[in-house]
Amino acid sequence: MAILLPQQFYALRPNIGKSYYENLNGGANATITVNNNLPAPINLVVTRVNAPVITYEIPINNSLTLEVALLLVAALQTTDGPAIGTIQIATSDF
């Protein structure tokens, strides 16, 4: 069964990180979609069960969708500038 979590809007200042999903009970299979509208790139930080932390940079006016097994934490982190956009996460039993 899939659960689509509400779309969340973000407006983060420079050099700020914020968690948008946490499942510390063994993780969950999930799909993460991040839309970065402007004015600077943003990093999607993904933490999974028994796996290294992976960071994806999403350029301005781009999006990224990932399918992740056993997701523990999905967070966004700005770099030198602010960032505005949306993040949406769907969990499932896939």
C-alpha atoms as a PDB file:
ATOM      1  CA  MET A   1       0.000   0.000   0.000  1.00  0.00           C
ATOM      2  CA  ALA A   2       1.323   3.453  -0.902  1.00  0.00           C
ATOM      3  CA  ILE A   3       1.004   6.552   1.248  1.00  0.00           C
ATOM      4  CA  LEU A   4       1.426   9.921  -0.464  1.00  0.00           C
ATOM      5  CA  LEU A   5       2.517  12.485   2.099  1.00  0.00           C
ATOM      6  CA  PRO A   6       1.434  16.112   1.607  1.00  0.00           C
ATOM      7  CA  GLN A   7       3.574  18.239  -0.670  1.00  0.00           C
ATOM      8  CA  GLN A   8       5.756  20.532   1.436  1.00  0.00           C
ATOM      9  CA  PHE A   9       6.981  23.953   0.350  1.00  0.00           C
ATOM     10  CA  TYR A  10      10.418  25.111   1.442  1.00  0.00           C
ATOM     11  CA  ALA A  11      12.068  28.523   1.550  1.00  0.00           C
ATOM     12  CA  LEU A  12      15.454  28.064   3.161  1.00  0.00           C
ATOM     13  CA  ARG A  13      18.104  30.680   3.868  1.00  0.00           C
ATOM     14  CA  PRO A  14      21.779  30.113   2.957  1.00  0.00           C
ATOM     15  CA  ASN A  15      23.660  27.346   4.813  1.00  0.00           C
ATOM     16  CA  ILE A  16      20.542  25.856   6.433  1.00  0.00           C
ATOM     17  CA  GLY A  17      19.485  22.201   6.591  1.00  0.00           C
ATOM     18  CA  LYS A  18      16.034  20.835   7.379  1.00  0.00           C
ATOM     19  CA  SER A  19      14.627  17.306   7.609  1.00  0.00           C
ATOM     20  CA  TYR A  20      11.377  16.660   5.725  1.00  0.00           C
ATOM     21  CA  TYR A  21      10.951  12.949   6.464  1.00  0.00           C
ATOM     22  CA  GLU A  22      12.140  10.675   9.265  1.00  0.00           C
ATOM     23  CA  ASN A  23      11.417   6.995   9.874  1.00  0.00           C
ATOM     24  CA  LEU A  24      13.748   5.686  12.547  1.00  0.00           C
ATOM     25  CA  ASN A  25      11.909   2.350  12.940  1.00  0.00           C
ATOM     26  CA  GLY A  26      13.854   0.448  10.302  1.00  0.00           C
ATOM     27  CA  GLY A  27      13.194   2.688   7.309  1.00  0.00           C
ATOM     28  CA  ALA A  28      10.558   2.632   4.599  1.00  0.00           C
ATOM     29  CA  ASN A  29      10.620   2.215   0.844  1.00  0.00           C
ATOM     30  CA  ALA A  30       9.922   5.627  -0.655  1.00  0.00           C
ATOM     31  CA  THR A  31       9.915   7.900  -3.656  1.00  0.00           C
ATOM     32  CA  ILE A  32      11.227  11.446  -3.166  1.00  0.00           C
ATOM     33  CA  THR A  33      10.531  14.319  -5.578  1.00  0.00           C
ATOM     34  CA  VAL A  34      12.239  17.685  -5.120  1.00  0.00           C
ATOM     35  CA  ASN A  35      11.522  20.741  -7.283  1.00  0.00           C
ATOM     36  CA  ASN A  36      14.021  23.586  -6.977  1.00  0.00           C
ATOM     37  CA  ASN A  37      12.566  26.801  -8.345  1.00  0.00           C
ATOM     38  CA  LEU A  38      15.192  29.423  -7.478  1.00  0.00           C
ATOM     39  CA  PRO A  39      17.452  31.295  -6.686  1.00  0.00           C
ATOM     40  CA  ALA A  40      20.262  28.798  -5.850  1.00  0.00           C
ATOM     41  CA  PRO A  41      20.991  25.050  -6.002  1.00  0.00           C
ATOM     42  CA  ILE A  42      19.836  22.836  -3.139  1.00  0.00           C
ATOM     43  CA  ASN A  43      21.150  19.511  -1.818  1.00  0.00           C
ATOM     44  CA  LEU A  44      18.921  16.508  -1.130  1.00  0.00           C
ATOM     45  CA  VAL A  45      20.513  14.450   1.653  1.00  0.00           C
ATOM     46  CA  VAL A  46      19.329  10.817   1.794  1.00  0.00           C
ATOM     47  CA  THR A  47      20.050   8.466   4.711  1.00  0.00           C
ATOM     48  CA  ARG A  48      19.187   4.771   4.295  1.00  0.00           C
ATOM     49  CA  VAL A  49      19.475   1.646   6.438  1.00  0.00           C
ATOM     50  CA  ASN A  50      23.006   0.167   6.328  1.00  0.00           C
ATOM     51  CA  ALA A  51      24.110   2.508   3.526  1.00  0.00           C
ATOM     52  CA  PRO A  52      26.265   5.625   3.301  1.00  0.00           C
ATOM     53  CA  VAL A  53      24.636   9.047   3.347  1.00  0.00           C
ATOM     54  CA  ILE A  54      24.211  10.300  -0.228  1.00  0.00           C
ATOM     55  CA  THR A  55      23.847  13.933  -1.292  1.00  0.00           C
ATOM     56  CA  TYR A  56      22.332  15.009  -4.621  1.00  0.00           C
ATOM     57  CA  GLU A  57      22.643  18.597  -5.855  1.00  0.00           C
ATOM     58  CA  ILE A  58      19.576  19.923  -7.653  1.00  0.00           C
ATOM     59  CA  PRO A  59      20.331  22.944  -9.874  1.00  0.00           C
ATOM     60  CA  ILE A  60      18.068  25.983 -10.221  1.00  0.00           C
ATOM     61  CA  ASN A  61      14.807  25.352 -12.145  1.00  0.00           C
ATOM     62  CA  ASN A  62      15.268  21.561 -12.059  1.00  0.00           C
ATOM     63  CA  SER A  63      13.738  18.602 -10.258  1.00  0.00           C
ATOM     64  CA  LEU A  64      14.843  15.173  -9.099  1.00  0.00           C
ATOM     65  CA  THR A  65      12.825  12.039  -8.352  1.00  0.00           C
ATOM     66  CA  LEU A  66      14.423   9.098  -6.541  1.00  0.00           C
ATOM     67  CA  GLU A  67      13.181   5.660  -5.575  1.00  0.00           C
ATOM     68  CA  VAL A  68      14.835   4.719  -2.284  1.00  0.00           C
ATOM     69  CA  ALA A  69      14.789   1.434  -0.385  1.00  0.00           C
ATOM     70  CA  LEU A  70      14.677   1.612   3.429  1.00  0.00           C
ATOM     71  CA  LEU A  71      14.717   5.400   3.724  1.00  0.00           C
ATOM     72  CA  LEU A  72      15.489   6.710   7.197  1.00  0.00           C
ATOM     73  CA  VAL A  73      15.827  10.476   6.637  1.00  0.00           C
ATOM     74  CA  ALA A  74      15.278  12.848   3.710  1.00  0.00           C
ATOM     75  CA  ALA A  75      16.595  16.364   4.264  1.00  0.00           C
ATOM     76  CA  LEU A  76      17.323  19.485   2.246  1.00  0.00           C
ATOM     77  CA  GLN A  77      20.417  21.631   2.685  1.00  0.00           C
ATOM     78  CA  THR A  78      21.186  24.972   1.069  1.00  0.00           C
ATOM     79  CA  THR A  79      24.632  26.063  -0.015  1.00  0.00           C
ATOM     80  CA  ASP A  80      25.750  29.676  -0.503  1.00  0.00           C
ATOM     81  CA  GLY A  81      22.317  31.032  -1.380  1.00  0.00           C
ATOM     82  CA  PRO A  82      18.667  30.665  -0.402  1.00  0.00           C
ATOM     83  CA  ALA A  83      16.413  28.113  -2.114  1.00  0.00           C
ATOM     84  CA  ILE A  84      12.674  27.917  -2.782  1.00  0.00           C
ATOM     85  CA  GLY A  85      10.669  24.938  -4.037  1.00  0.00           C
ATOM     86  CA  THR A  86       8.734  21.833  -3.056  1.00  0.00           C
ATOM     87  CA  ILE A  87       9.417  18.322  -1.760  1.00  0.00           C
ATOM     88  CA  GLN A  88       7.016  15.386  -1.828  1.00  0.00           C
ATOM     89  CA  ILE A  89       7.521  11.892  -0.456  1.00  0.00           C
ATOM     90  CA  ALA A  90       5.498   8.737  -1.068  1.00  0.00           C
ATOM     91  CA  THR A  91       6.128   5.592   0.980  1.00  0.00           C
ATOM     92  CA  SER A  92       5.131   2.070  -0.015  1.00  0.00           C
ATOM     93  CA  ASP A  93       5.667  -1.628   0.478  1.00  0.00           C
ATOM     94  CA  PHE A  94       7.506  -2.142  -2.828  1.00  0.00           C
END
